[in-house]
Amino acid sequence: MAEEIAYGAKEVPNTSVTLRRIADDVRSEVISQNPEWSKIVEDLTNTYPTNKVDDLVNEMPNYDAIIFGSPTRFGNMAAPMKALWDRTSDLWMKGSLIGKLGAVFTAVASVHGGQETTAISMMFPMLHHGMIIVGVPYAVPELTQSGSPYGPSRIVGPMSNKEITEADIKVARALGKRISELAKKLS
């Protein structure tokens, strides 16, 4: 989904996009029990190596907009995302993120897996930092099939191997394009 959001953002001329990834906190012993899951994690790591949380926190003030994505864990953002936000106290003290655009996206294993509560949970720190939250408007027709006004979300299945749908792609790209257009207007 991050790639699709990035494609949408790049539809706006002179937009620069940086994709970053936090290491997941699922123990390797759990992942290694399933060869399919192991392959997914290996491919993801080869494409997008993980970044240290402190490095990511230090980069955040450099961006006009930040779109945060997290898998849903029991209707909430995953622990690595929460750990990132917990390290932003210095940014909060300095007001480093005030006025920056922010958006969220998520994925769940099943229908009614908590994607909306996860999206909202990721917005709380953004509000405390003074960020401007951007969602997906219902002018995007595919929003009735995928995602929510809070942001793109999709059902990925228990092993995160369900193919992305055309509706998922359109909602993700719409958010990317929208946040890029708004960032241009604000700058």
N, C-alpha and C. Protein backbone atom coordinates (compact mmCIF):
# COMPACT_ATOMS: atom_id res chain seq x y z
N MET A 1 0.83 -1.20 0.00
CA MET A 1 0.00 0.00 0.00
C MET A 1 0.87 1.25 0.00
N ALA A 2 1.98 1.18 0.71
CA ALA A 2 2.88 2.34 0.73
C ALA A 2 3.34 2.68 -0.68
N GLU A 3 3.64 1.67 -1.47
CA GLU A 3 4.07 1.92 -2.85
C GLU A 3 2.95 2.58 -3.66
N GLU A 4 1.73 2.13 -3.48
CA GLU A 4 0.60 2.71 -4.22
C GLU A 4 0.35 4.15 -3.79
N ILE A 5 0.47 4.44 -2.51
CA ILE A 5 0.34 5.81 -2.02
C ILE A 5 1.44 6.67 -2.64
N ALA A 6 2.65 6.13 -2.70
CA ALA A 6 3.77 6.86 -3.29
C ALA A 6 3.52 7.14 -4.77
N TYR A 7 2.96 6.16 -5.50
CA TYR A 7 2.64 6.39 -6.91
C TYR A 7 1.66 7.54 -7.05
N GLY A 8 0.64 7.57 -6.19
CA GLY A 8 -0.33 8.66 -6.24
C GLY A 8 0.32 10.00 -5.94
N ALA A 9 1.22 10.02 -4.96
CA ALA A 9 1.90 11.28 -4.60
C ALA A 9 2.75 11.79 -5.76
N LYS A 10 3.38 10.87 -6.47
CA LYS A 10 4.26 11.25 -7.58
C LYS A 10 3.51 11.73 -8.81
N GLU A 11 2.18 11.58 -8.82
CA GLU A 11 1.39 12.13 -9.93
C GLU A 11 1.44 13.65 -9.93
N VAL A 12 1.76 14.23 -8.79
CA VAL A 12 1.87 15.68 -8.67
C VAL A 12 3.31 16.05 -9.03
N PRO A 13 3.49 16.92 -10.04
CA PRO A 13 4.85 17.27 -10.47
C PRO A 13 5.72 17.80 -9.33
N ASN A 14 7.00 17.50 -9.42
CA ASN A 14 8.02 17.97 -8.47
C ASN A 14 7.78 17.47 -7.04
N THR A 15 7.20 16.30 -6.91
CA THR A 15 6.99 15.71 -5.60
C THR A 15 8.07 14.67 -5.35
N SER A 16 8.71 14.77 -4.21
CA SER A 16 9.72 13.81 -3.80
C SER A 16 9.13 12.91 -2.73
N VAL A 17 9.32 11.61 -2.86
CA VAL A 17 8.76 10.64 -1.92
C VAL A 17 9.88 9.78 -1.36
N THR A 18 9.86 9.56 -0.07
CA THR A 18 10.81 8.68 0.61
C THR A 18 10.02 7.63 1.36
N LEU A 19 10.32 6.36 1.11
CA LEU A 19 9.67 5.27 1.85
C LEU A 19 10.62 4.79 2.94
N ARG A 20 10.11 4.65 4.14
CA ARG A 20 10.88 4.18 5.29
C ARG A 20 10.12 3.04 5.95
N ARG A 21 10.85 2.16 6.63
CA ARG A 21 10.23 1.00 7.28
C ARG A 21 10.85 0.77 8.65
N ILE A 22 9.98 0.49 9.62
CA ILE A 22 10.40 0.10 10.97
C ILE A 22 10.38 -1.42 11.02
N ALA A 23 11.32 -2.00 11.71
CA ALA A 23 11.34 -3.46 11.87
C ALA A 23 10.09 -3.92 12.62
N ASP A 24 9.52 -5.02 12.19
CA ASP A 24 8.38 -5.61 12.87
C ASP A 24 8.85 -6.24 14.18
N ASP A 25 7.93 -6.43 15.09
CA ASP A 25 8.30 -7.01 16.38
C ASP A 25 7.86 -8.46 16.54
N VAL A 26 7.43 -9.09 15.45
CA VAL A 26 7.07 -10.50 15.52
C VAL A 26 8.37 -11.31 15.61
N ARG A 27 8.44 -12.19 16.59
CA ARG A 27 9.66 -12.96 16.81
C ARG A 27 9.97 -13.84 15.59
N SER A 28 11.24 -13.95 15.25
CA SER A 28 11.66 -14.74 14.09
C SER A 28 11.27 -16.21 14.25
N GLU A 29 11.21 -16.72 15.48
CA GLU A 29 10.81 -18.12 15.70
C GLU A 29 9.37 -18.35 15.23
N VAL A 30 8.53 -17.34 15.41
CA VAL A 30 7.13 -17.45 14.98
C VAL A 30 7.06 -17.41 13.46
N ILE A 31 7.76 -16.46 12.86
CA ILE A 31 7.75 -16.32 11.39
C ILE A 31 8.33 -17.56 10.72
N SER A 32 9.42 -18.09 11.26
CA SER A 32 10.09 -19.23 10.62
C SER A 32 9.26 -20.51 10.63
N GLN A 33 8.21 -20.57 11.41
CA GLN A 33 7.33 -21.74 11.42
C GLN A 33 6.49 -21.85 10.16
N ASN A 34 6.42 -20.76 9.40
CA ASN A 34 5.63 -20.77 8.18
C ASN A 34 6.51 -20.31 7.02
N PRO A 35 6.86 -21.23 6.11
CA PRO A 35 7.74 -20.86 4.99
C PRO A 35 7.21 -19.72 4.13
N GLU A 36 5.89 -19.67 3.93
CA GLU A 36 5.30 -18.60 3.11
C GLU A 36 5.51 -17.24 3.79
N TRP A 37 5.27 -17.18 5.09
CA TRP A 37 5.47 -15.94 5.85
C TRP A 37 6.95 -15.55 5.84
N SER A 38 7.82 -16.54 6.00
CA SER A 38 9.27 -16.26 5.98
C SER A 38 9.67 -15.63 4.65
N LYS A 39 9.11 -16.14 3.56
CA LYS A 39 9.44 -15.60 2.23
C LYS A 39 8.93 -14.16 2.08
N ILE A 40 7.73 -13.89 2.58
CA ILE A 40 7.17 -12.54 2.51
C ILE A 40 8.07 -11.57 3.27
N VAL A 41 8.48 -11.96 4.47
CA VAL A 41 9.34 -11.09 5.29
C VAL A 41 10.70 -10.89 4.62
N GLU A 42 11.25 -11.95 4.06
CA GLU A 42 12.55 -11.84 3.37
C GLU A 42 12.46 -10.90 2.17
N ASP A 43 11.41 -11.05 1.36
CA ASP A 43 11.23 -10.18 0.20
C ASP A 43 11.06 -8.72 0.62
N LEU A 44 10.27 -8.50 1.66
CA LEU A 44 10.04 -7.14 2.14
C LEU A 44 11.34 -6.52 2.65
N THR A 45 12.11 -7.29 3.38
CA THR A 45 13.38 -6.78 3.92
C THR A 45 14.38 -6.49 2.81
N ASN A 46 14.38 -7.31 1.77
CA ASN A 46 15.28 -7.05 0.64
C ASN A 46 14.88 -5.79 -0.12
N THR A 47 13.59 -5.54 -0.23
CA THR A 47 13.11 -4.36 -0.96
C THR A 47 13.21 -3.10 -0.11
N TYR A 48 12.81 -3.21 1.15
CA TYR A 48 12.81 -2.06 2.06
C TYR A 48 13.48 -2.45 3.38
N PRO A 49 14.80 -2.29 3.44
CA PRO A 49 15.48 -2.60 4.70
C PRO A 49 14.91 -1.74 5.83
N THR A 50 14.98 -2.25 7.03
CA THR A 50 14.42 -1.50 8.16
C THR A 50 15.34 -0.35 8.57
N ASN A 51 14.72 0.63 9.20
CA ASN A 51 15.44 1.80 9.71
C ASN A 51 15.33 1.83 11.22
N LYS A 52 16.32 2.40 11.87
CA LYS A 52 16.26 2.57 13.32
C LYS A 52 15.24 3.65 13.66
N VAL A 53 14.51 3.43 14.73
CA VAL A 53 13.46 4.36 15.14
C VAL A 53 14.05 5.76 15.36
N ASP A 54 15.18 5.85 16.04
CA ASP A 54 15.75 7.17 16.30
C ASP A 54 16.12 7.90 15.02
N ASP A 55 16.59 7.17 14.01
CA ASP A 55 16.90 7.79 12.72
C ASP A 55 15.63 8.34 12.08
N LEU A 56 14.56 7.57 12.15
CA LEU A 56 13.29 8.03 11.58
C LEU A 56 12.76 9.26 12.30
N VAL A 57 12.84 9.26 13.61
CA VAL A 57 12.38 10.41 14.39
C VAL A 57 13.17 11.65 13.99
N ASN A 58 14.47 11.51 13.82
CA ASN A 58 15.30 12.66 13.44
C ASN A 58 14.97 13.18 12.05
N GLU A 59 14.48 12.31 11.15
CA GLU A 59 14.13 12.72 9.79
C GLU A 59 12.78 13.43 9.71
N MET A 60 11.87 13.13 10.62
CA MET A 60 10.49 13.60 10.51
C MET A 60 10.34 15.10 10.28
N PRO A 61 11.10 15.96 10.95
CA PRO A 61 10.93 17.40 10.71
C PRO A 61 11.32 17.85 9.30
N ASN A 62 12.02 17.02 8.57
CA ASN A 62 12.48 17.39 7.23
C ASN A 62 11.41 17.28 6.15
N TYR A 63 10.27 16.69 6.48
CA TYR A 63 9.24 16.43 5.48
C TYR A 63 8.07 17.40 5.62
N ASP A 64 7.43 17.73 4.50
CA ASP A 64 6.22 18.56 4.51
C ASP A 64 5.01 17.74 4.91
N ALA A 65 5.04 16.45 4.56
CA ALA A 65 3.93 15.55 4.86
C ALA A 65 4.50 14.18 5.22
N ILE A 66 3.84 13.51 6.14
CA ILE A 66 4.26 12.17 6.53
C ILE A 66 3.01 11.28 6.57
N ILE A 67 3.08 10.17 5.86
CA ILE A 67 1.98 9.21 5.85
C ILE A 67 2.47 7.97 6.60
N PHE A 68 1.80 7.66 7.69
CA PHE A 68 2.18 6.55 8.55
C PHE A 68 1.33 5.33 8.25
N GLY A 69 1.97 4.17 8.15
CA GLY A 69 1.25 2.93 7.95
C GLY A 69 1.61 1.93 9.02
N SER A 70 0.62 1.15 9.41
CA SER A 70 0.86 0.13 10.43
C SER A 70 -0.11 -1.02 10.22
N PRO A 71 0.36 -2.25 10.47
CA PRO A 71 -0.61 -3.34 10.51
C PRO A 71 -1.51 -3.15 11.74
N THR A 72 -2.67 -3.73 11.67
CA THR A 72 -3.59 -3.66 12.80
C THR A 72 -3.25 -4.77 13.79
N ARG A 73 -3.08 -4.40 15.02
CA ARG A 73 -2.84 -5.37 16.09
C ARG A 73 -3.91 -5.15 17.14
N PHE A 74 -4.90 -6.01 17.14
CA PHE A 74 -5.98 -5.95 18.13
C PHE A 74 -6.66 -4.58 18.11
N GLY A 75 -6.90 -4.06 16.90
CA GLY A 75 -7.60 -2.79 16.74
C GLY A 75 -6.76 -1.58 17.05
N ASN A 76 -5.46 -1.72 17.05
CA ASN A 76 -4.57 -0.62 17.41
C ASN A 76 -3.34 -0.65 16.50
N MET A 77 -2.57 0.44 16.50
CA MET A 77 -1.31 0.45 15.76
C MET A 77 -0.37 -0.58 16.38
N ALA A 78 0.52 -1.11 15.57
CA ALA A 78 1.50 -2.09 16.04
C ALA A 78 2.51 -1.42 16.99
N ALA A 79 3.08 -2.22 17.86
CA ALA A 79 4.03 -1.72 18.86
C ALA A 79 5.20 -0.93 18.26
N PRO A 80 5.78 -1.35 17.12
CA PRO A 80 6.88 -0.54 16.57
C PRO A 80 6.45 0.89 16.20
N MET A 81 5.22 1.07 15.72
CA MET A 81 4.73 2.41 15.42
C MET A 81 4.56 3.21 16.70
N LYS A 82 4.01 2.58 17.71
CA LYS A 82 3.85 3.25 19.01
C LYS A 82 5.22 3.62 19.57
N ALA A 83 6.20 2.74 19.41
CA ALA A 83 7.56 3.03 19.89
C ALA A 83 8.13 4.26 19.18
N LEU A 84 7.86 4.39 17.88
CA LEU A 84 8.31 5.57 17.15
C LEU A 84 7.72 6.83 17.79
N TRP A 85 6.41 6.83 17.98
CA TRP A 85 5.76 8.00 18.56
C TRP A 85 6.26 8.28 19.98
N ASP A 86 6.53 7.24 20.73
CA ASP A 86 7.02 7.43 22.10
C ASP A 86 8.40 8.07 22.14
N ARG A 87 9.12 8.05 21.03
CA ARG A 87 10.45 8.65 20.97
C ARG A 87 10.41 10.09 20.46
N THR A 88 9.22 10.66 20.24
CA THR A 88 9.13 11.99 19.63
C THR A 88 8.96 13.13 20.63
N SER A 89 9.21 12.87 21.89
CA SER A 89 9.04 13.92 22.90
C SER A 89 9.85 15.18 22.59
N ASP A 90 11.07 15.00 22.13
CA ASP A 90 11.91 16.17 21.80
C ASP A 90 11.29 16.97 20.65
N LEU A 91 10.74 16.27 19.65
CA LEU A 91 10.07 16.96 18.55
C LEU A 91 8.87 17.74 19.07
N TRP A 92 8.13 17.13 19.99
CA TRP A 92 6.96 17.78 20.57
C TRP A 92 7.37 19.04 21.34
N MET A 93 8.44 18.93 22.13
CA MET A 93 8.92 20.08 22.92
C MET A 93 9.32 21.25 22.01
N LYS A 94 9.88 20.95 20.87
CA LYS A 94 10.34 21.98 19.94
C LYS A 94 9.24 22.42 18.96
N GLY A 95 8.13 21.70 18.93
CA GLY A 95 7.08 22.01 17.96
C GLY A 95 7.48 21.69 16.53
N SER A 96 8.34 20.71 16.37
CA SER A 96 8.92 20.39 15.06
C SER A 96 7.93 19.88 14.02
N LEU A 97 6.80 19.35 14.46
CA LEU A 97 5.85 18.78 13.51
C LEU A 97 4.59 19.63 13.34
N ILE A 98 4.54 20.76 14.03
CA ILE A 98 3.36 21.62 13.93
C ILE A 98 3.19 22.09 12.48
N GLY A 99 1.97 21.91 11.96
CA GLY A 99 1.65 22.34 10.61
C GLY A 99 2.02 21.36 9.51
N LYS A 100 2.69 20.27 9.86
CA LYS A 100 3.01 19.26 8.85
C LYS A 100 1.74 18.46 8.53
N LEU A 101 1.61 18.03 7.29
CA LEU A 101 0.48 17.19 6.92
C LEU A 101 0.76 15.76 7.38
N GLY A 102 -0.28 15.08 7.80
CA GLY A 102 -0.15 13.70 8.21
C GLY A 102 -1.33 12.88 7.72
N ALA A 103 -1.08 11.63 7.43
CA ALA A 103 -2.14 10.71 7.02
C ALA A 103 -1.74 9.32 7.46
N VAL A 104 -2.70 8.39 7.38
CA VAL A 104 -2.45 7.03 7.84
C VAL A 104 -3.02 6.01 6.87
N PHE A 105 -2.48 4.80 6.94
CA PHE A 105 -3.05 3.65 6.24
C PHE A 105 -2.76 2.41 7.07
N THR A 106 -3.55 1.37 6.84
CA THR A 106 -3.39 0.16 7.62
C THR A 106 -3.84 -1.05 6.82
N ALA A 107 -3.58 -2.21 7.37
CA ALA A 107 -4.02 -3.48 6.79
C ALA A 107 -4.42 -4.41 7.93
N VAL A 108 -5.39 -5.28 7.62
CA VAL A 108 -5.90 -6.22 8.63
C VAL A 108 -5.96 -7.62 8.04
N ALA A 109 -6.03 -8.60 8.92
CA ALA A 109 -6.11 -9.99 8.46
C ALA A 109 -7.51 -10.36 8.00
N SER A 110 -8.54 -9.71 8.57
CA SER A 110 -9.91 -10.15 8.30
C SER A 110 -10.88 -8.98 8.26
N VAL A 111 -12.07 -9.25 7.75
CA VAL A 111 -13.15 -8.27 7.77
C VAL A 111 -13.42 -7.89 9.22
N HIS A 112 -13.67 -6.64 9.49
CA HIS A 112 -13.92 -6.13 10.84
C HIS A 112 -12.74 -6.40 11.77
N GLY A 113 -11.54 -6.32 11.22
CA GLY A 113 -10.32 -6.59 12.00
C GLY A 113 -9.80 -5.40 12.78
N GLY A 114 -10.50 -4.28 12.74
CA GLY A 114 -10.09 -3.11 13.52
C GLY A 114 -9.36 -2.05 12.74
N GLN A 115 -9.53 -2.03 11.41
CA GLN A 115 -8.78 -1.06 10.63
C GLN A 115 -9.13 0.39 10.96
N GLU A 116 -10.37 0.69 11.24
CA GLU A 116 -10.73 2.08 11.53
C GLU A 116 -10.17 2.51 12.89
N THR A 117 -10.24 1.65 13.89
CA THR A 117 -9.69 2.03 15.20
C THR A 117 -8.17 2.15 15.12
N THR A 118 -7.55 1.33 14.28
CA THR A 118 -6.10 1.45 14.10
C THR A 118 -5.75 2.78 13.47
N ALA A 119 -6.48 3.15 12.42
CA ALA A 119 -6.23 4.44 11.77
C ALA A 119 -6.37 5.57 12.77
N ILE A 120 -7.43 5.55 13.54
CA ILE A 120 -7.65 6.62 14.52
C ILE A 120 -6.56 6.61 15.58
N SER A 121 -6.12 5.44 16.02
CA SER A 121 -5.07 5.38 17.04
C SER A 121 -3.78 6.02 16.54
N MET A 122 -3.52 5.94 15.25
CA MET A 122 -2.32 6.56 14.69
C MET A 122 -2.47 8.08 14.57
N MET A 123 -3.71 8.55 14.61
CA MET A 123 -3.93 10.00 14.50
C MET A 123 -3.72 10.74 15.83
N PHE A 124 -3.93 10.07 16.94
CA PHE A 124 -3.80 10.75 18.24
C PHE A 124 -2.44 11.44 18.41
N PRO A 125 -1.32 10.75 18.16
CA PRO A 125 -0.04 11.46 18.30
C PRO A 125 0.11 12.62 17.33
N MET A 126 -0.43 12.47 16.12
CA MET A 126 -0.33 13.55 15.15
C MET A 126 -1.06 14.80 15.65
N LEU A 127 -2.21 14.60 16.25
CA LEU A 127 -2.95 15.74 16.80
C LEU A 127 -2.16 16.40 17.93
N HIS A 128 -1.56 15.61 18.79
CA HIS A 128 -0.76 16.16 19.88
C HIS A 128 0.45 16.94 19.37
N HIS A 129 0.95 16.55 18.22
CA HIS A 129 2.10 17.24 17.62
C HIS A 129 1.68 18.45 16.79
N GLY A 130 0.39 18.68 16.64
CA GLY A 130 -0.07 19.82 15.86
C GLY A 130 -0.08 19.60 14.36
N MET A 131 -0.07 18.33 13.95
CA MET A 131 -0.10 18.03 12.53
C MET A 131 -1.52 18.21 11.97
N ILE A 132 -1.60 18.40 10.68
CA ILE A 132 -2.87 18.55 9.98
C ILE A 132 -3.19 17.20 9.34
N ILE A 133 -4.27 16.58 9.79
CA ILE A 133 -4.61 15.24 9.32
C ILE A 133 -5.41 15.30 8.02
N VAL A 134 -4.99 14.46 7.08
CA VAL A 134 -5.62 14.37 5.77
C VAL A 134 -6.21 12.97 5.62
N GLY A 135 -7.46 12.90 5.20
CA GLY A 135 -8.11 11.62 4.95
C GLY A 135 -8.46 11.47 3.49
N VAL A 136 -9.33 10.51 3.23
CA VAL A 136 -9.77 10.24 1.86
C VAL A 136 -11.24 10.65 1.75
N PRO A 137 -11.58 11.58 0.85
CA PRO A 137 -12.97 12.01 0.73
C PRO A 137 -13.81 11.00 -0.07
N TYR A 138 -15.11 11.04 0.16
CA TYR A 138 -16.01 10.15 -0.57
C TYR A 138 -16.13 10.51 -2.04
N ALA A 139 -15.47 11.56 -2.48
CA ALA A 139 -15.40 11.86 -3.91
C ALA A 139 -14.61 10.76 -4.64
N VAL A 140 -13.87 9.96 -3.89
CA VAL A 140 -13.16 8.80 -4.45
C VAL A 140 -14.17 7.64 -4.44
N PRO A 141 -14.74 7.27 -5.58
CA PRO A 141 -15.83 6.30 -5.61
C PRO A 141 -15.47 4.94 -4.98
N GLU A 142 -14.22 4.53 -5.09
CA GLU A 142 -13.79 3.23 -4.57
C GLU A 142 -13.79 3.17 -3.05
N LEU A 143 -13.98 4.31 -2.40
CA LEU A 143 -14.00 4.34 -0.94
C LEU A 143 -15.16 3.51 -0.39
N THR A 144 -16.18 3.26 -1.20
CA THR A 144 -17.28 2.40 -0.74
C THR A 144 -16.91 0.92 -0.80
N GLN A 145 -15.76 0.61 -1.40
CA GLN A 145 -15.31 -0.78 -1.52
C GLN A 145 -14.05 -1.08 -0.73
N SER A 146 -13.29 -0.06 -0.39
CA SER A 146 -12.00 -0.25 0.27
C SER A 146 -11.66 0.98 1.10
N GLY A 147 -10.97 0.75 2.20
CA GLY A 147 -10.52 1.86 3.02
C GLY A 147 -11.65 2.53 3.77
N SER A 148 -11.37 3.73 4.25
CA SER A 148 -12.35 4.55 4.97
C SER A 148 -11.93 6.00 4.84
N PRO A 149 -12.78 6.93 5.27
CA PRO A 149 -12.37 8.33 5.20
C PRO A 149 -11.12 8.61 6.05
N TYR A 150 -10.81 7.72 6.99
CA TYR A 150 -9.63 7.89 7.85
C TYR A 150 -8.35 7.59 7.10
N GLY A 151 -8.45 6.80 6.04
CA GLY A 151 -7.28 6.45 5.25
C GLY A 151 -7.44 5.11 4.58
N PRO A 152 -6.56 4.81 3.64
CA PRO A 152 -6.61 3.52 2.97
C PRO A 152 -6.42 2.37 3.97
N SER A 153 -7.16 1.31 3.75
CA SER A 153 -6.95 0.08 4.51
C SER A 153 -7.37 -1.07 3.63
N ARG A 154 -6.80 -2.21 3.89
CA ARG A 154 -7.16 -3.37 3.08
C ARG A 154 -7.08 -4.64 3.90
N ILE A 155 -7.80 -5.64 3.43
CA ILE A 155 -7.77 -6.96 4.06
C ILE A 155 -6.68 -7.76 3.37
N VAL A 156 -5.68 -8.19 4.13
CA VAL A 156 -4.53 -8.89 3.54
C VAL A 156 -4.53 -10.38 3.81
N GLY A 157 -5.42 -10.87 4.67
CA GLY A 157 -5.47 -12.28 5.01
C GLY A 157 -4.52 -12.60 6.15
N PRO A 158 -4.69 -13.76 6.77
CA PRO A 158 -3.89 -14.12 7.95
C PRO A 158 -2.39 -14.16 7.71
N MET A 159 -1.96 -14.42 6.48
CA MET A 159 -0.53 -14.47 6.17
C MET A 159 -0.07 -13.26 5.36
N SER A 160 -0.90 -12.24 5.31
CA SER A 160 -0.58 -11.01 4.55
C SER A 160 -0.24 -11.30 3.09
N ASN A 161 -0.95 -12.27 2.51
CA ASN A 161 -0.63 -12.65 1.14
C ASN A 161 -1.80 -12.49 0.17
N LYS A 162 -2.86 -11.83 0.60
CA LYS A 162 -3.99 -11.61 -0.29
C LYS A 162 -3.63 -10.48 -1.25
N GLU A 163 -3.89 -10.70 -2.53
CA GLU A 163 -3.55 -9.72 -3.56
C GLU A 163 -4.28 -8.40 -3.32
N ILE A 164 -3.61 -7.32 -3.64
CA ILE A 164 -4.21 -6.00 -3.54
C ILE A 164 -5.25 -5.85 -4.65
N THR A 165 -6.39 -5.26 -4.34
CA THR A 165 -7.46 -5.10 -5.33
C THR A 165 -7.33 -3.75 -6.04
N GLU A 166 -8.03 -3.63 -7.13
CA GLU A 166 -8.04 -2.37 -7.87
C GLU A 166 -8.61 -1.24 -7.01
N ALA A 167 -9.64 -1.55 -6.21
CA ALA A 167 -10.21 -0.52 -5.32
C ALA A 167 -9.19 -0.09 -4.28
N ASP A 168 -8.43 -1.04 -3.71
CA ASP A 168 -7.38 -0.71 -2.74
C ASP A 168 -6.37 0.25 -3.36
N ILE A 169 -5.98 -0.06 -4.58
CA ILE A 169 -4.98 0.75 -5.29
C ILE A 169 -5.50 2.17 -5.53
N LYS A 170 -6.73 2.28 -5.98
CA LYS A 170 -7.28 3.60 -6.29
C LYS A 170 -7.42 4.47 -5.04
N VAL A 171 -7.84 3.86 -3.92
CA VAL A 171 -7.96 4.64 -2.68
C VAL A 171 -6.58 5.05 -2.18
N ALA A 172 -5.61 4.15 -2.24
CA ALA A 172 -4.25 4.48 -1.81
C ALA A 172 -3.66 5.60 -2.67
N ARG A 173 -3.78 5.48 -3.98
CA ARG A 173 -3.23 6.50 -4.86
C ARG A 173 -3.95 7.84 -4.68
N ALA A 174 -5.25 7.79 -4.42
CA ALA A 174 -5.99 9.04 -4.19
C ALA A 174 -5.46 9.76 -2.97
N LEU A 175 -5.14 9.03 -1.90
CA LEU A 175 -4.58 9.68 -0.71
C LEU A 175 -3.21 10.28 -1.03
N GLY A 176 -2.36 9.52 -1.70
CA GLY A 176 -1.04 10.04 -2.04
C GLY A 176 -1.11 11.31 -2.86
N LYS A 177 -1.97 11.30 -3.88
CA LYS A 177 -2.12 12.49 -4.72
C LYS A 177 -2.69 13.65 -3.92
N ARG A 178 -3.68 13.38 -3.09
CA ARG A 178 -4.32 14.45 -2.31
C ARG A 178 -3.33 15.11 -1.36
N ILE A 179 -2.54 14.31 -0.67
CA ILE A 179 -1.61 14.90 0.30
C ILE A 179 -0.51 15.68 -0.42
N SER A 180 -0.09 15.23 -1.61
CA SER A 180 0.90 15.99 -2.38
C SER A 180 0.34 17.32 -2.87
N GLU A 181 -0.91 17.28 -3.34
CA GLU A 181 -1.54 18.53 -3.79
C GLU A 181 -1.68 19.52 -2.64
N LEU A 182 -2.08 19.03 -1.48
CA LEU A 182 -2.22 19.91 -0.31
C LEU A 182 -0.87 20.44 0.15
N ALA A 183 0.15 19.61 0.12
CA ALA A 183 1.48 20.06 0.51
C ALA A 183 1.97 21.18 -0.41
N LYS A 184 1.70 21.04 -1.69
CA LYS A 184 2.08 22.11 -2.65
C LYS A 184 1.36 23.41 -2.32
N LYS A 185 0.06 23.31 -2.02
CA LYS A 185 -0.71 24.51 -1.69
C LYS A 185 -0.20 25.17 -0.43
N LEU A 186 0.16 24.37 0.56
CA LEU A 186 0.62 24.94 1.84
C LEU A 186 2.02 25.53 1.76
N SER A 187 2.81 25.01 0.82
CA SER A 187 4.18 25.55 0.73
C SER A 187 4.18 26.71 -0.22
